[in-house]
Amino acid sequence: MGRQGNTRSLLGCKGKPVGIWWAAMTLRLNGDVRECREGITIAALVEELGLGNKRIAVEVNRDIIPRDEYVNCALKADDEVEIVHFVGGGC
């Protein structure tokens, strides 16, 4: 874990690089190792996961992060991120 300095290219629809390069890092998301671009914010990660319009809670290294701080909170290599979303229901 904690790989930094690697670079990755975003892939186009046929798996060919589209020319955008970014430094890679690893973090733990809901217990699974995930590679993402270095310095990604919580807001960007939430959007990539398709959770932007969901009611969620985010915890980074056991600290709950308020929603209004998602855009300013950059993740670091080896961060442990937990994201839970709420599901309605009842009897």
PDB file of N, CA and C in Angstrom:
ATOM      1  N   MET A   1       0.831  -1.179   0.000  1.00  0.00           N
ATOM      2  CA  MET A   1       0.000   0.000   0.000  1.00  0.00           C
ATOM      3  C   MET A   1       0.872   1.237   0.000  1.00  0.00           C
ATOM      4  N   GLY A   2       0.220   2.387  -0.161  1.00  0.00           N
ATOM      5  CA  GLY A   2       0.928   3.632  -0.082  1.00  0.00           C
ATOM      6  C   GLY A   2       1.780   3.950  -1.297  1.00  0.00           C
ATOM      7  N   ARG A   3       1.514   3.263  -2.416  1.00  0.00           N
ATOM      8  CA  ARG A   3       2.308   3.562  -3.608  1.00  0.00           C
ATOM      9  C   ARG A   3       2.015   4.983  -4.034  1.00  0.00           C
ATOM     10  N   GLN A   4       3.076   5.726  -4.230  1.00  0.00           N
ATOM     11  CA  GLN A   4       2.944   7.069  -4.761  1.00  0.00           C
ATOM     12  C   GLN A   4       3.986   7.232  -5.840  1.00  0.00           C
ATOM     13  N   GLY A   5       3.768   8.188  -6.709  1.00  0.00           N
ATOM     14  CA  GLY A   5       4.736   8.463  -7.740  1.00  0.00           C
ATOM     15  C   GLY A   5       4.489   7.692  -9.022  1.00  0.00           C
ATOM     16  N   ASN A   6       3.645   6.671  -8.984  1.00  0.00           N
ATOM     17  CA  ASN A   6       3.283   5.974 -10.210  1.00  0.00           C
ATOM     18  C   ASN A   6       2.392   6.892 -11.025  1.00  0.00           C
ATOM     19  N   THR A   7       2.419   6.742 -12.327  1.00  0.00           N
ATOM     20  CA  THR A   7       1.509   7.534 -13.143  1.00  0.00           C
ATOM     21  C   THR A   7       0.590   6.611 -13.909  1.00  0.00           C
ATOM     22  N   ARG A   8      -0.598   7.066 -14.144  1.00  0.00           N
ATOM     23  CA  ARG A   8      -1.595   6.309 -14.882  1.00  0.00           C
ATOM     24  C   ARG A   8      -2.239   7.243 -15.890  1.00  0.00           C
ATOM     25  N   SER A   9      -2.754   6.664 -16.952  1.00  0.00           N
ATOM     26  CA  SER A   9      -3.466   7.433 -17.963  1.00  0.00           C
ATOM     27  C   SER A   9      -4.938   7.067 -17.905  1.00  0.00           C
ATOM     28  N   LEU A  10      -5.797   8.043 -18.106  1.00  0.00           N
ATOM     29  CA  LEU A  10      -7.208   7.746 -18.246  1.00  0.00           C
ATOM     30  C   LEU A  10      -7.407   7.057 -19.582  1.00  0.00           C
ATOM     31  N   LEU A  11      -8.226   6.041 -19.608  1.00  0.00           N
ATOM     32  CA  LEU A  11      -8.432   5.274 -20.829  1.00  0.00           C
ATOM     33  C   LEU A  11      -9.708   5.696 -21.533  1.00  0.00           C
ATOM     34  N   GLY A  12      -9.628   5.744 -22.849  1.00  0.00           N
ATOM     35  CA  GLY A  12     -10.796   6.040 -23.660  1.00  0.00           C
ATOM     36  C   GLY A  12     -11.649   4.802 -23.832  1.00  0.00           C
ATOM     37  N   CYS A  13     -12.665   4.873 -24.690  1.00  0.00           N
ATOM     38  CA  CYS A  13     -13.629   3.792 -24.815  1.00  0.00           C
ATOM     39  C   CYS A  13     -13.037   2.502 -25.372  1.00  0.00           C
ATOM     40  N   LYS A  14     -11.919   2.545 -26.054  1.00  0.00           N
ATOM     41  CA  LYS A  14     -11.316   1.322 -26.574  1.00  0.00           C
ATOM     42  C   LYS A  14     -10.080   0.932 -25.784  1.00  0.00           C
ATOM     43  N   GLY A  15      -9.940   1.480 -24.570  1.00  0.00           N
ATOM     44  CA  GLY A  15      -8.817   1.124 -23.726  1.00  0.00           C
ATOM     45  C   GLY A  15      -7.521   1.822 -24.084  1.00  0.00           C
ATOM     46  N   LYS A  16      -7.590   2.821 -24.967  1.00  0.00           N
ATOM     47  CA  LYS A  16      -6.389   3.560 -25.355  1.00  0.00           C
ATOM     48  C   LYS A  16      -6.267   4.801 -24.490  1.00  0.00           C
ATOM     49  N   PRO A  17      -5.037   5.152 -24.089  1.00  0.00           N
ATOM     50  CA  PRO A  17      -4.858   6.366 -23.285  1.00  0.00           C
ATOM     51  C   PRO A  17      -5.368   7.600 -24.012  1.00  0.00           C
ATOM     52  N   VAL A  18      -5.996   8.490 -23.267  1.00  0.00           N
ATOM     53  CA  VAL A  18      -6.500   9.723 -23.861  1.00  0.00           C
ATOM     54  C   VAL A  18      -5.556  10.893 -23.600  1.00  0.00           C
ATOM     55  N   GLY A  19      -4.377  10.610 -23.048  1.00  0.00           N
ATOM     56  CA  GLY A  19      -3.356  11.637 -22.901  1.00  0.00           C
ATOM     57  C   GLY A  19      -3.389  12.400 -21.596  1.00  0.00           C
ATOM     58  N   ILE A  20      -4.263  12.041 -20.684  1.00  0.00           N
ATOM     59  CA  ILE A  20      -4.303  12.720 -19.399  1.00  0.00           C
ATOM     60  C   ILE A  20      -3.594  11.814 -18.390  1.00  0.00           C
ATOM     61  N   TRP A  21      -2.516  12.315 -17.824  1.00  0.00           N
ATOM     62  CA  TRP A  21      -1.720  11.516 -16.895  1.00  0.00           C
ATOM     63  C   TRP A  21      -1.876  12.076 -15.492  1.00  0.00           C
ATOM     64  N   TRP A  22      -1.868  11.184 -14.517  1.00  0.00           N
ATOM     65  CA  TRP A  22      -1.985  11.601 -13.130  1.00  0.00           C
ATOM     66  C   TRP A  22      -1.164  10.681 -12.243  1.00  0.00           C
ATOM     67  N   ALA A  23      -0.704  11.223 -11.120  1.00  0.00           N
ATOM     68  CA  ALA A  23       0.048  10.419 -10.159  1.00  0.00           C
ATOM     69  C   ALA A  23      -0.931   9.537  -9.390  1.00  0.00           C
ATOM     70  N   ALA A  24      -0.543   8.305  -9.163  1.00  0.00           N
ATOM     71  CA  ALA A  24      -1.422   7.348  -8.498  1.00  0.00           C
ATOM     72  C   ALA A  24      -1.028   7.157  -7.040  1.00  0.00           C
ATOM     73  N   MET A  25      -2.024   6.843  -6.220  1.00  0.00           N
ATOM     74  CA  MET A  25      -1.795   6.470  -4.830  1.00  0.00           C
ATOM     75  C   MET A  25      -2.819   5.400  -4.476  1.00  0.00           C
ATOM     76  N   THR A  26      -2.578   4.717  -3.390  1.00  0.00           N
ATOM     77  CA  THR A  26      -3.552   3.737  -2.920  1.00  0.00           C
ATOM     78  C   THR A  26      -4.103   4.183  -1.582  1.00  0.00           C
ATOM     79  N   LEU A  27      -5.350   3.829  -1.368  1.00  0.00           N
ATOM     80  CA  LEU A  27      -6.002   4.044  -0.083  1.00  0.00           C
ATOM     81  C   LEU A  27      -6.918   2.859   0.155  1.00  0.00           C
ATOM     82  N   ARG A  28      -7.491   2.800   1.322  1.00  0.00           N
ATOM     83  CA  ARG A  28      -8.417   1.720   1.649  1.00  0.00           C
ATOM     84  C   ARG A  28      -9.814   2.320   1.694  1.00  0.00           C
ATOM     85  N   LEU A  29     -10.711   1.802   0.850  1.00  0.00           N
ATOM     86  CA  LEU A  29     -12.087   2.282   0.768  1.00  0.00           C
ATOM     87  C   LEU A  29     -13.018   1.159   1.185  1.00  0.00           C
ATOM     88  N   ASN A  30     -13.714   1.369   2.288  1.00  0.00           N
ATOM     89  CA  ASN A  30     -14.622   0.354   2.842  1.00  0.00           C
ATOM     90  C   ASN A  30     -13.933  -1.007   2.942  1.00  0.00           C
ATOM     91  N   GLY A  31     -12.673  -0.982   3.365  1.00  0.00           N
ATOM     92  CA  GLY A  31     -11.920  -2.212   3.590  1.00  0.00           C
ATOM     93  C   GLY A  31     -11.173  -2.759   2.398  1.00  0.00           C
ATOM     94  N   ASP A  32     -11.412  -2.218   1.212  1.00  0.00           N
ATOM     95  CA  ASP A  32     -10.740  -2.696  -0.001  1.00  0.00           C
ATOM     96  C   ASP A  32      -9.679  -1.691  -0.451  1.00  0.00           C
ATOM     97  N   VAL A  33      -8.558  -2.212  -0.951  1.00  0.00           N
ATOM     98  CA  VAL A  33      -7.514  -1.339  -1.486  1.00  0.00           C
ATOM     99  C   VAL A  33      -7.996  -0.787  -2.816  1.00  0.00           C
ATOM    100  N   ARG A  34      -7.827   0.520  -2.990  1.00  0.00           N
ATOM    101  CA  ARG A  34      -8.264   1.187  -4.223  1.00  0.00           C
ATOM    102  C   ARG A  34      -7.165   2.130  -4.676  1.00  0.00           C
ATOM    103  N   GLU A  35      -6.902   2.127  -5.959  1.00  0.00           N
ATOM    104  CA  GLU A  35      -5.951   3.060  -6.533  1.00  0.00           C
ATOM    105  C   GLU A  35      -6.724   4.245  -7.090  1.00  0.00           C
ATOM    106  N   CYS A  36      -6.226   5.433  -6.815  1.00  0.00           N
ATOM    107  CA  CYS A  36      -6.864   6.637  -7.346  1.00  0.00           C
ATOM    108  C   CYS A  36      -5.791   7.697  -7.559  1.00  0.00           C
ATOM    109  N   ARG A  37      -6.204   8.816  -8.112  1.00  0.00           N
ATOM    110  CA  ARG A  37      -5.209   9.848  -8.399  1.00  0.00           C
ATOM    111  C   ARG A  37      -4.803  10.548  -7.100  1.00  0.00           C
ATOM    112  N   GLU A  38      -3.550  10.905  -7.049  1.00  0.00           N
ATOM    113  CA  GLU A  38      -2.986  11.551  -5.872  1.00  0.00           C
ATOM    114  C   GLU A  38      -3.715  12.861  -5.593  1.00  0.00           C
ATOM    115  N   GLY A  39      -4.073  13.081  -4.332  1.00  0.00           N
ATOM    116  CA  GLY A  39      -4.708  14.323  -3.924  1.00  0.00           C
ATOM    117  C   GLY A  39      -6.188  14.433  -4.240  1.00  0.00           C
ATOM    118  N   ILE A  40      -6.833  13.339  -4.637  1.00  0.00           N
ATOM    119  CA  ILE A  40      -8.262  13.383  -4.940  1.00  0.00           C
ATOM    120  C   ILE A  40      -9.028  13.859  -3.705  1.00  0.00           C
ATOM    121  N   THR A  41     -10.032  14.677  -3.920  1.00  0.00           N
ATOM    122  CA  THR A  41     -10.851  15.139  -2.804  1.00  0.00           C
ATOM    123  C   THR A  41     -11.961  14.131  -2.534  1.00  0.00           C
ATOM    124  N   ILE A  42     -12.537  14.241  -1.357  1.00  0.00           N
ATOM    125  CA  ILE A  42     -13.677  13.383  -1.036  1.00  0.00           C
ATOM    126  C   ILE A  42     -14.792  13.636  -2.031  1.00  0.00           C
ATOM    127  N   ALA A  43     -15.036  14.900  -2.382  1.00  0.00           N
ATOM    128  CA  ALA A  43     -16.102  15.231  -3.329  1.00  0.00           C
ATOM    129  C   ALA A  43     -15.891  14.526  -4.663  1.00  0.00           C
ATOM    130  N   ALA A  44     -14.669  14.531  -5.172  1.00  0.00           N
ATOM    131  CA  ALA A  44     -14.382  13.883  -6.450  1.00  0.00           C
ATOM    132  C   ALA A  44     -14.529  12.371  -6.347  1.00  0.00           C
ATOM    133  N   LEU A  45     -14.085  11.786  -5.249  1.00  0.00           N
ATOM    134  CA  LEU A  45     -14.225  10.342  -5.057  1.00  0.00           C
ATOM    135  C   LEU A  45     -15.694   9.947  -4.996  1.00  0.00           C
ATOM    136  N   VAL A  46     -16.477  10.718  -4.269  1.00  0.00           N
ATOM    137  CA  VAL A  46     -17.915  10.445  -4.157  1.00  0.00           C
ATOM    138  C   VAL A  46     -18.572  10.497  -5.525  1.00  0.00           C
ATOM    139  N   GLU A  47     -18.197  11.482  -6.345  1.00  0.00           N
ATOM    140  CA  GLU A  47     -18.754  11.580  -7.705  1.00  0.00           C
ATOM    141  C   GLU A  47     -18.339  10.379  -8.551  1.00  0.00           C
ATOM    142  N   GLU A  48     -17.048   9.988  -8.475  1.00  0.00           N
ATOM    143  CA  GLU A  48     -16.574   8.831  -9.244  1.00  0.00           C
ATOM    144  C   GLU A  48     -17.328   7.566  -8.875  1.00  0.00           C
ATOM    145  N   LEU A  49     -17.740   7.463  -7.625  1.00  0.00           N
ATOM    146  CA  LEU A  49     -18.467   6.287  -7.153  1.00  0.00           C
ATOM    147  C   LEU A  49     -19.956   6.365  -7.460  1.00  0.00           C
ATOM    148  N   GLY A  50     -20.399   7.494  -8.026  1.00  0.00           N
ATOM    149  CA  GLY A  50     -21.814   7.654  -8.360  1.00  0.00           C
ATOM    150  C   GLY A  50     -22.696   7.908  -7.148  1.00  0.00           C
ATOM    151  N   LEU A  51     -22.114   8.469  -6.097  1.00  0.00           N
ATOM    152  CA  LEU A  51     -22.863   8.699  -4.861  1.00  0.00           C
ATOM    153  C   LEU A  51     -23.137  10.173  -4.604  1.00  0.00           C
ATOM    154  N   GLY A  52     -22.905  11.022  -5.607  1.00  0.00           N
ATOM    155  CA  GLY A  52     -23.019  12.461  -5.428  1.00  0.00           C
ATOM    156  C   GLY A  52     -24.376  12.947  -4.973  1.00  0.00           C
ATOM    157  N   ASN A  53     -25.424  12.288  -5.388  1.00  0.00           N
ATOM    158  CA  ASN A  53     -26.766  12.741  -5.017  1.00  0.00           C
ATOM    159  C   ASN A  53     -27.401  11.870  -3.939  1.00  0.00           C
ATOM    160  N   LYS A  54     -26.619  11.022  -3.303  1.00  0.00           N
ATOM    161  CA  LYS A  54     -27.127  10.118  -2.261  1.00  0.00           C
ATOM    162  C   LYS A  54     -26.871  10.713  -0.885  1.00  0.00           C
ATOM    163  N   ARG A  55     -27.659  10.253   0.073  1.00  0.00           N
ATOM    164  CA  ARG A  55     -27.428  10.626   1.469  1.00  0.00           C
ATOM    165  C   ARG A  55     -26.350   9.700   2.012  1.00  0.00           C
ATOM    166  N   ILE A  56     -25.170  10.260   2.252  1.00  0.00           N
ATOM    167  CA  ILE A  56     -24.041   9.448   2.682  1.00  0.00           C
ATOM    168  C   ILE A  56     -23.356  10.085   3.890  1.00  0.00           C
ATOM    169  N   ALA A  57     -22.524   9.281   4.538  1.00  0.00           N
ATOM    170  CA  ALA A  57     -21.608   9.765   5.568  1.00  0.00           C
ATOM    171  C   ALA A  57     -20.226   9.260   5.191  1.00  0.00           C
ATOM    172  N   VAL A  58     -19.218  10.106   5.381  1.00  0.00           N
ATOM    173  CA  VAL A  58     -17.838   9.751   5.035  1.00  0.00           C
ATOM    174  C   VAL A  58     -16.966   9.885   6.274  1.00  0.00           C
ATOM    175  N   GLU A  59     -16.172   8.859   6.486  1.00  0.00           N
ATOM    176  CA  GLU A  59     -15.216   8.843   7.590  1.00  0.00           C
ATOM    177  C   GLU A  59     -13.830   8.632   6.999  1.00  0.00           C
ATOM    178  N   VAL A  60     -12.866   9.440   7.418  1.00  0.00           N
ATOM    179  CA  VAL A  60     -11.484   9.288   6.969  1.00  0.00           C
ATOM    180  C   VAL A  60     -10.616   9.106   8.210  1.00  0.00           C
ATOM    181  N   ASN A  61      -9.953   7.977   8.272  1.00  0.00           N
ATOM    182  CA  ASN A  61      -9.091   7.657   9.414  1.00  0.00           C
ATOM    183  C   ASN A  61      -9.827   7.825  10.743  1.00  0.00           C
ATOM    184  N   ARG A  62     -11.062   7.329  10.759  1.00  0.00           N
ATOM    185  CA  ARG A  62     -11.929   7.301  11.938  1.00  0.00           C
ATOM    186  C   ARG A  62     -12.507   8.658  12.330  1.00  0.00           C
ATOM    187  N   ASP A  63     -12.334   9.679  11.485  1.00  0.00           N
ATOM    188  CA  ASP A  63     -12.938  10.995  11.724  1.00  0.00           C
ATOM    189  C   ASP A  63     -14.059  11.209  10.729  1.00  0.00           C
ATOM    190  N   ILE A  64     -15.239  11.562  11.221  1.00  0.00           N
ATOM    191  CA  ILE A  64     -16.367  11.861  10.333  1.00  0.00           C
ATOM    192  C   ILE A  64     -16.131  13.237   9.717  1.00  0.00           C
ATOM    193  N   ILE A  65     -16.283  13.305   8.400  1.00  0.00           N
ATOM    194  CA  ILE A  65     -16.046  14.546   7.665  1.00  0.00           C
ATOM    195  C   ILE A  65     -17.387  15.187   7.318  1.00  0.00           C
ATOM    196  N   PRO A  66     -17.620  16.437   7.732  1.00  0.00           N
ATOM    197  CA  PRO A  66     -18.866  17.114   7.375  1.00  0.00           C
ATOM    198  C   PRO A  66     -18.973  17.293   5.855  1.00  0.00           C
ATOM    199  N   ARG A  67     -20.184  17.178   5.340  1.00  0.00           N
ATOM    200  CA  ARG A  67     -20.422  17.268   3.895  1.00  0.00           C
ATOM    201  C   ARG A  67     -19.848  18.548   3.289  1.00  0.00           C
ATOM    202  N   ASP A  68     -19.945  19.663   3.987  1.00  0.00           N
ATOM    203  CA  ASP A  68     -19.454  20.920   3.413  1.00  0.00           C
ATOM    204  C   ASP A  68     -17.926  20.967   3.318  1.00  0.00           C
ATOM    205  N   GLU A  69     -17.223  19.990   3.877  1.00  0.00           N
ATOM    206  CA  GLU A  69     -15.765  19.930   3.773  1.00  0.00           C
ATOM    207  C   GLU A  69     -15.291  18.954   2.693  1.00  0.00           C
ATOM    208  N   TYR A  70     -16.196  18.243   2.028  1.00  0.00           N
ATOM    209  CA  TYR A  70     -15.797  17.251   1.018  1.00  0.00           C
ATOM    210  C   TYR A  70     -14.939  17.863  -0.089  1.00  0.00           C
ATOM    211  N   VAL A  71     -15.284  19.072  -0.533  1.00  0.00           N
ATOM    212  CA  VAL A  71     -14.550  19.674  -1.654  1.00  0.00           C
ATOM    213  C   VAL A  71     -13.148  20.123  -1.269  1.00  0.00           C
ATOM    214  N   ASN A  72     -12.908  20.360   0.005  1.00  0.00           N
ATOM    215  CA  ASN A  72     -11.601  20.840   0.461  1.00  0.00           C
ATOM    216  C   ASN A  72     -10.742  19.755   1.096  1.00  0.00           C
ATOM    217  N   CYS A  73     -11.288  18.586   1.298  1.00  0.00           N
ATOM    218  CA  CYS A  73     -10.563  17.519   1.990  1.00  0.00           C
ATOM    219  C   CYS A  73      -9.894  16.596   0.975  1.00  0.00           C
ATOM    220  N   ALA A  74      -8.584  16.793   0.778  1.00  0.00           N
ATOM    221  CA  ALA A  74      -7.811  15.948  -0.142  1.00  0.00           C
ATOM    222  C   ALA A  74      -7.352  14.699   0.602  1.00  0.00           C
ATOM    223  N   LEU A  75      -7.524  13.558  -0.043  1.00  0.00           N
ATOM    224  CA  LEU A  75      -7.104  12.294   0.552  1.00  0.00           C
ATOM    225  C   LEU A  75      -5.622  12.059   0.296  1.00  0.00           C
ATOM    226  N   LYS A  76      -5.009  11.285   1.179  1.00  0.00           N
ATOM    227  CA  LYS A  76      -3.583  10.977   1.078  1.00  0.00           C
ATOM    228  C   LYS A  76      -3.395   9.466   0.971  1.00  0.00           C
ATOM    229  N   ALA A  77      -2.225   9.064   0.497  1.00  0.00           N
ATOM    230  CA  ALA A  77      -1.900   7.639   0.407  1.00  0.00           C
ATOM    231  C   ALA A  77      -2.083   6.995   1.781  1.00  0.00           C
ATOM    232  N   ASP A  78      -2.631   5.789   1.753  1.00  0.00           N
ATOM    233  CA  ASP A  78      -2.870   4.975   2.946  1.00  0.00           C
ATOM    234  C   ASP A  78      -4.003   5.456   3.834  1.00  0.00           C
ATOM    235  N   ASP A  79      -4.760   6.502   3.416  1.00  0.00           N
ATOM    236  CA  ASP A  79      -5.935   6.887   4.193  1.00  0.00           C
ATOM    237  C   ASP A  79      -6.920   5.728   4.214  1.00  0.00           C
ATOM    238  N   GLU A  80      -7.649   5.611   5.309  1.00  0.00           N
ATOM    239  CA  GLU A  80      -8.717   4.624   5.420  1.00  0.00           C
ATOM    240  C   GLU A  80     -10.033   5.373   5.357  1.00  0.00           C
ATOM    241  N   VAL A  81     -10.784   5.126   4.290  1.00  0.00           N
ATOM    242  CA  VAL A  81     -12.031   5.835   4.017  1.00  0.00           C
ATOM    243  C   VAL A  81     -13.197   4.864   4.138  1.00  0.00           C
ATOM    244  N   GLU A  82     -14.204   5.269   4.868  1.00  0.00           N
ATOM    245  CA  GLU A  82     -15.449   4.503   4.963  1.00  0.00           C
ATOM    246  C   GLU A  82     -16.561   5.399   4.452  1.00  0.00           C
ATOM    247  N   ILE A  83     -17.355   4.882   3.533  1.00  0.00           N
ATOM    248  CA  ILE A  83     -18.515   5.612   3.020  1.00  0.00           C
ATOM    249  C   ILE A  83     -19.731   4.733   3.221  1.00  0.00           C
ATOM    250  N   VAL A  84     -20.719   5.273   3.912  1.00  0.00           N
ATOM    251  CA  VAL A  84     -21.976   4.542   4.082  1.00  0.00           C
ATOM    252  C   VAL A  84     -23.100   5.402   3.520  1.00  0.00           C
ATOM    253  N   HIS A  85     -24.072   4.751   2.915  1.00  0.00           N
ATOM    254  CA  HIS A  85     -25.230   5.491   2.442  1.00  0.00           C
ATOM    255  C   HIS A  85     -26.464   4.932   3.081  1.00  0.00           C
ATOM    256  N   PHE A  86     -27.448   5.797   3.227  1.00  0.00           N
ATOM    257  CA  PHE A  86     -28.647   5.463   3.955  1.00  0.00           C
ATOM    258  C   PHE A  86     -29.716   4.964   2.990  1.00  0.00           C
ATOM    259  N   VAL A  87     -30.395   3.949   3.421  1.00  0.00           N
ATOM    260  CA  VAL A  87     -31.433   3.330   2.617  1.00  0.00           C
ATOM    261  C   VAL A  87     -32.745   3.465   3.371  1.00  0.00           C
ATOM    262  N   GLY A  88     -33.756   4.008   2.677  1.00  0.00           N
ATOM    263  CA  GLY A  88     -35.061   4.143   3.303  1.00  0.00           C
ATOM    264  C   GLY A  88     -35.796   2.813   3.333  1.00  0.00           C
ATOM    265  N   GLY A  89     -36.775   2.757   4.123  1.00  0.00           N
ATOM    266  CA  GLY A  89     -37.572   1.540   4.210  1.00  0.00           C
ATOM    267  C   GLY A  89     -38.330   1.515   5.517  1.00  0.00           C
ATOM    268  N   GLY A  90     -38.985   0.449   5.736  1.00  0.00           N
ATOM    269  CA  GLY A  90     -39.726   0.322   6.984  1.00  0.00           C
ATOM    270  C   GLY A  90     -40.764  -0.756   6.871  1.00  0.00           C
ATOM    271  N   CYS A  91     -41.593  -0.786   7.868  1.00  0.00           N
ATOM    272  CA  CYS A  91     -42.622  -1.837   7.922  1.00  0.00           C
ATOM    273  C   CYS A  91     -43.841  -1.484   7.105  1.00  0.00           C
TER     274      CYS A  91
END
